[in-house]
């Protein structure tokens, strides 16, 4: 079995440059990693990146090594444990730090969880400004007792979690019972699932929920950046 490649942190970026930012100003940079089963070019991340760029944020997306291997072999590969991806994410942050940028970090589902695991370490070092999780996997679907929240209870990094009301990885009713850090803000997407998609009968739309998530994220990032 071929080894999973270790990505070059300077390569493989998908960049959506901030729009409407004066040349004299530096736009905030948000690094986004993908979820467990789809890469950085997923429709969800592509649309979120476009919406955030339109709101003055440069979005830099990247793939973890296991996803690169899955693409190279043309098959689905299960991700390793989130803790085993932390070093890859740390190297991606270091790439931007060498360019003089202090980024925000985050991602979709698994990608956001990995970012959350090293957020306080990098925030304490002055290497990141904040954390953005798009659909945080608070627990595996159907296993609400298997929480992934221990490190979130004492989180010190300014953080935003955008979550669908009925996300099977953590519904609003469940999450509102958790003792999360006061550093974490929550943006609830009405009737949204893990991809923020609502049911037709709700009267909400996926486009509307993506817009709401982008606006919540942009407001958070610009506030913290100041």
Protein backbone atom coordinates (compact mmCIF):
# COMPACT_ATOMS: atom_id res chain seq x y z
CA UNK A 1 0.00 0.00 0.00
CA UNK A 2 1.51 3.36 -1.00
CA UNK A 3 2.28 5.82 1.76
CA UNK A 4 0.09 8.83 2.21
CA UNK A 5 1.99 11.82 0.80
CA UNK A 6 3.00 14.70 3.03
CA UNK A 7 1.88 17.78 1.11
CA UNK A 8 4.25 20.64 0.43
CA UNK A 9 2.65 23.46 2.48
CA UNK A 10 3.56 25.96 -0.24
CA UNK A 11 1.62 24.07 -2.91
CA UNK A 12 -1.91 23.00 -3.67
CA UNK A 13 -3.71 26.11 -2.50
CA UNK A 14 -7.02 27.28 -3.96
CA UNK A 15 -7.11 31.03 -3.38
CA UNK A 16 -10.21 33.20 -3.54
CA UNK A 17 -8.87 36.75 -3.23
CA UNK A 18 -10.77 39.32 -1.20
CA UNK A 19 -12.82 41.78 -3.20
CA UNK A 20 -13.32 45.45 -2.52
CA UNK A 21 -10.33 45.86 -0.19
CA UNK A 22 -8.25 49.02 -0.79
CA UNK A 23 -4.68 48.34 -1.87
CA UNK A 24 -3.39 50.15 1.21
CA UNK A 25 -5.11 47.64 3.47
CA UNK A 26 -4.38 43.96 4.00
CA UNK A 27 -7.41 41.71 3.76
CA UNK A 28 -7.92 39.08 6.45
CA UNK A 29 -6.86 35.59 5.38
CA UNK A 30 -8.92 32.53 6.34
CA UNK A 31 -7.45 29.05 5.84
CA UNK A 32 -10.08 26.38 5.26
CA UNK A 33 -9.55 22.63 5.31
CA UNK A 34 -12.12 20.20 3.93
CA UNK A 35 -14.45 17.66 5.49
CA UNK A 36 -13.80 13.94 5.79
CA UNK A 37 -15.19 12.80 2.46
CA UNK A 38 -14.82 15.69 0.00
CA UNK A 39 -11.81 17.84 -0.81
CA UNK A 40 -11.13 21.53 -0.87
CA UNK A 41 -12.93 21.89 -4.22
CA UNK A 42 -16.28 20.65 -2.86
CA UNK A 43 -19.33 22.68 -3.90
CA UNK A 44 -19.87 23.69 -0.28
CA UNK A 45 -16.38 25.12 0.21
CA UNK A 46 -16.29 26.63 -3.26
CA UNK A 47 -19.49 28.57 -2.63
CA UNK A 48 -18.48 29.62 0.87
CA UNK A 49 -15.13 30.86 -0.42
CA UNK A 50 -16.84 32.93 -3.12
CA UNK A 51 -19.25 34.47 -0.62
CA UNK A 52 -16.46 35.29 1.84
CA UNK A 53 -14.23 36.79 -0.85
CA UNK A 54 -17.12 39.05 -1.84
CA UNK A 55 -17.15 40.20 1.78
CA UNK A 56 -13.50 41.23 1.86
CA UNK A 57 -11.84 38.03 3.10
CA UNK A 58 -9.14 36.11 1.24
CA UNK A 59 -9.89 32.41 1.52
CA UNK A 60 -7.11 29.84 1.10
CA UNK A 61 -8.27 26.22 0.78
CA UNK A 62 -6.08 23.12 0.90
CA UNK A 63 -6.23 19.32 1.00
CA UNK A 64 -4.82 16.97 3.60
CA UNK A 65 -2.46 14.26 2.40
CA UNK A 66 -4.99 11.44 2.60
CA UNK A 67 -7.30 13.33 0.23
CA UNK A 68 -4.44 13.87 -2.24
CA UNK A 69 -3.78 10.13 -2.15
CA UNK A 70 -7.48 9.38 -2.69
CA UNK A 71 -7.47 11.57 -5.78
CA UNK A 72 -4.27 10.02 -7.11
CA UNK A 73 -5.67 6.50 -6.69
CA UNK A 74 -9.17 7.37 -7.84
CA UNK A 75 -10.88 5.95 -4.77
CA UNK A 76 -12.28 7.01 -1.43
CA UNK A 77 -9.91 6.75 1.52
CA UNK A 78 -11.08 7.10 5.09
CA UNK A 79 -9.39 9.95 6.94
CA UNK A 80 -7.01 9.29 9.81
CA UNK A 81 -7.90 10.46 13.30
CA UNK A 82 -8.12 14.23 13.54
CA UNK A 83 -5.14 14.34 15.90
CA UNK A 84 -2.94 12.85 13.18
CA UNK A 85 -3.73 15.74 10.84
CA UNK A 86 -2.72 18.49 13.24
CA UNK A 87 0.90 18.64 12.05
CA UNK A 88 -0.22 19.06 8.43
CA UNK A 89 -2.41 21.97 9.41
CA UNK A 90 0.37 23.49 11.52
CA UNK A 91 2.68 23.40 8.49
CA UNK A 92 0.06 25.19 6.40
CA UNK A 93 -0.16 27.98 8.97
CA UNK A 94 3.64 28.25 9.06
CA UNK A 95 3.65 28.83 5.30
CA UNK A 96 1.51 31.94 5.72
CA UNK A 97 3.46 33.14 8.73
CA UNK A 98 6.65 33.16 6.66
CA UNK A 99 4.83 35.55 4.33
CA UNK A 100 4.03 37.91 7.19
CA UNK A 101 0.36 36.91 7.43
CA UNK A 102 -1.41 36.06 10.68
CA UNK A 103 -4.37 34.04 9.39
CA UNK A 104 -7.64 32.80 10.73
CA UNK A 105 -7.93 29.02 10.63
CA UNK A 106 -10.85 26.64 10.25
CA UNK A 107 -12.64 24.34 7.91
CA UNK A 108 -15.63 22.20 7.09
CA UNK A 109 -16.47 19.51 9.68
CA UNK A 110 -13.25 17.46 10.08
CA UNK A 111 -11.14 20.36 8.83
CA UNK A 112 -12.62 22.66 11.46
CA UNK A 113 -12.09 20.09 14.16
CA UNK A 114 -8.42 19.69 13.25
CA UNK A 115 -8.00 23.47 13.31
CA UNK A 116 -9.70 23.64 16.70
CA UNK A 117 -7.23 21.15 18.16
CA UNK A 118 -4.26 23.45 17.57
CA UNK A 119 -6.00 26.82 17.78
CA UNK A 120 -5.00 27.68 21.35
CA UNK A 121 -1.39 26.64 20.77
CA UNK A 122 -1.05 28.89 17.72
CA UNK A 123 -3.13 31.71 19.20
CA UNK A 124 -0.89 31.85 22.28
CA UNK A 125 2.13 32.14 19.96
CA UNK A 126 0.51 34.97 17.99
CA UNK A 127 0.38 32.83 14.86
CA UNK A 128 -3.41 32.86 14.29
CA UNK A 129 -6.15 35.40 14.94
CA UNK A 130 -9.17 33.17 15.34
CA UNK A 131 -11.03 30.00 14.46
CA UNK A 132 -13.99 29.37 12.13
CA UNK A 133 -15.74 25.98 12.07
CA UNK A 134 -18.35 25.31 9.39
CA UNK A 135 -20.46 22.44 10.68
CA UNK A 136 -18.52 21.22 13.71
CA UNK A 137 -18.71 17.43 14.34
CA UNK A 138 -19.63 17.59 18.02
CA UNK A 139 -20.29 13.83 18.01
CA UNK A 140 -20.67 11.03 15.45
CA UNK A 141 -24.22 10.77 14.05
CA UNK A 142 -26.39 8.62 16.29
CA UNK A 143 -23.82 8.66 19.12
CA UNK A 144 -24.51 11.84 21.11
CA UNK A 145 -22.69 10.40 24.11
CA UNK A 146 -19.37 10.36 22.19
CA UNK A 147 -18.63 14.07 22.50
CA UNK A 148 -15.68 15.83 20.87
CA UNK A 149 -15.95 18.93 23.02
CA UNK A 150 -13.41 18.61 25.82
CA UNK A 151 -10.95 21.07 24.29
CA UNK A 152 -13.77 23.46 23.41
CA UNK A 153 -14.78 23.96 27.03
CA UNK A 154 -11.64 25.94 27.86
CA UNK A 155 -10.88 27.38 24.41
CA UNK A 156 -9.24 30.82 24.58
CA UNK A 157 -9.04 31.54 20.85
CA UNK A 158 -11.81 33.77 19.46
CA UNK A 159 -14.01 31.30 17.61
CA UNK A 160 -17.14 31.05 15.50
CA UNK A 161 -19.07 27.85 14.84
CA UNK A 162 -21.69 27.93 12.08
CA UNK A 163 -24.07 25.02 12.61
CA UNK A 164 -27.31 23.78 11.10
CA UNK A 165 -30.23 23.56 13.54
CA UNK A 166 -30.69 19.85 12.80
CA UNK A 167 -27.10 18.83 12.09
CA UNK A 168 -26.81 15.10 12.97
CA UNK A 169 -23.30 15.83 14.27
CA UNK A 170 -24.79 18.22 16.84
CA UNK A 171 -28.28 19.70 16.76
CA UNK A 172 -29.15 23.04 18.28
CA UNK A 173 -30.98 21.35 21.13
CA UNK A 174 -27.91 19.25 21.94
CA UNK A 175 -25.26 21.93 21.53
CA UNK A 176 -27.09 24.42 23.71
CA UNK A 177 -26.64 22.01 26.64
CA UNK A 178 -22.83 21.89 26.25
CA UNK A 179 -20.52 23.88 28.51
CA UNK A 180 -18.62 25.55 25.67
CA UNK A 181 -16.09 28.33 26.21
CA UNK A 182 -17.34 31.90 26.22
CA UNK A 183 -14.78 32.54 23.46
CA UNK A 184 -17.02 30.59 21.07
CA UNK A 185 -19.85 32.26 19.16
CA UNK A 186 -22.54 30.20 17.48
CA UNK A 187 -24.33 31.03 14.24
CA UNK A 188 -27.39 28.84 13.75
CA UNK A 189 -28.61 28.11 10.22
CA UNK A 190 -32.39 27.56 10.22
CA UNK A 191 -33.39 23.95 9.61
CA UNK A 192 -29.90 23.29 8.22
CA UNK A 193 -28.24 19.88 8.08
CA UNK A 194 -24.48 19.26 8.18
CA UNK A 195 -24.10 21.13 4.88
CA UNK A 196 -26.56 23.81 6.06
CA UNK A 197 -29.23 22.48 3.68
CA UNK A 198 -32.82 22.94 4.96
CA UNK A 199 -35.84 20.83 4.11
CA UNK A 200 -38.13 22.21 1.40
CA UNK A 201 -41.06 22.24 3.80
CA UNK A 202 -39.20 24.61 6.13
CA UNK A 203 -39.45 27.50 3.69
CA UNK A 204 -35.72 28.15 4.06
CA UNK A 205 -33.19 27.74 1.25
CA UNK A 206 -29.64 26.43 1.02
CA UNK A 207 -28.56 29.61 -0.75
CA UNK A 208 -30.02 31.67 2.06
CA UNK A 209 -28.28 29.62 4.74
CA UNK A 210 -24.94 29.86 2.95
CA UNK A 211 -25.39 33.62 2.72
CA UNK A 212 -26.18 33.77 6.43
CA UNK A 213 -23.13 31.66 7.32
CA UNK A 214 -20.91 33.84 5.14
CA UNK A 215 -22.24 37.02 6.72
CA UNK A 216 -21.76 35.68 10.25
CA UNK A 217 -18.23 34.61 9.36
CA UNK A 218 -17.34 37.89 7.70
CA UNK A 219 -18.67 39.93 10.62
CA UNK A 220 -16.67 37.78 13.07
CA UNK A 221 -13.43 37.91 11.06
CA UNK A 222 -13.52 41.65 10.42
CA UNK A 223 -14.34 42.37 14.06
CA UNK A 224 -11.47 40.24 15.37
CA UNK A 225 -9.07 41.55 12.71
CA UNK A 226 -9.62 45.10 13.95
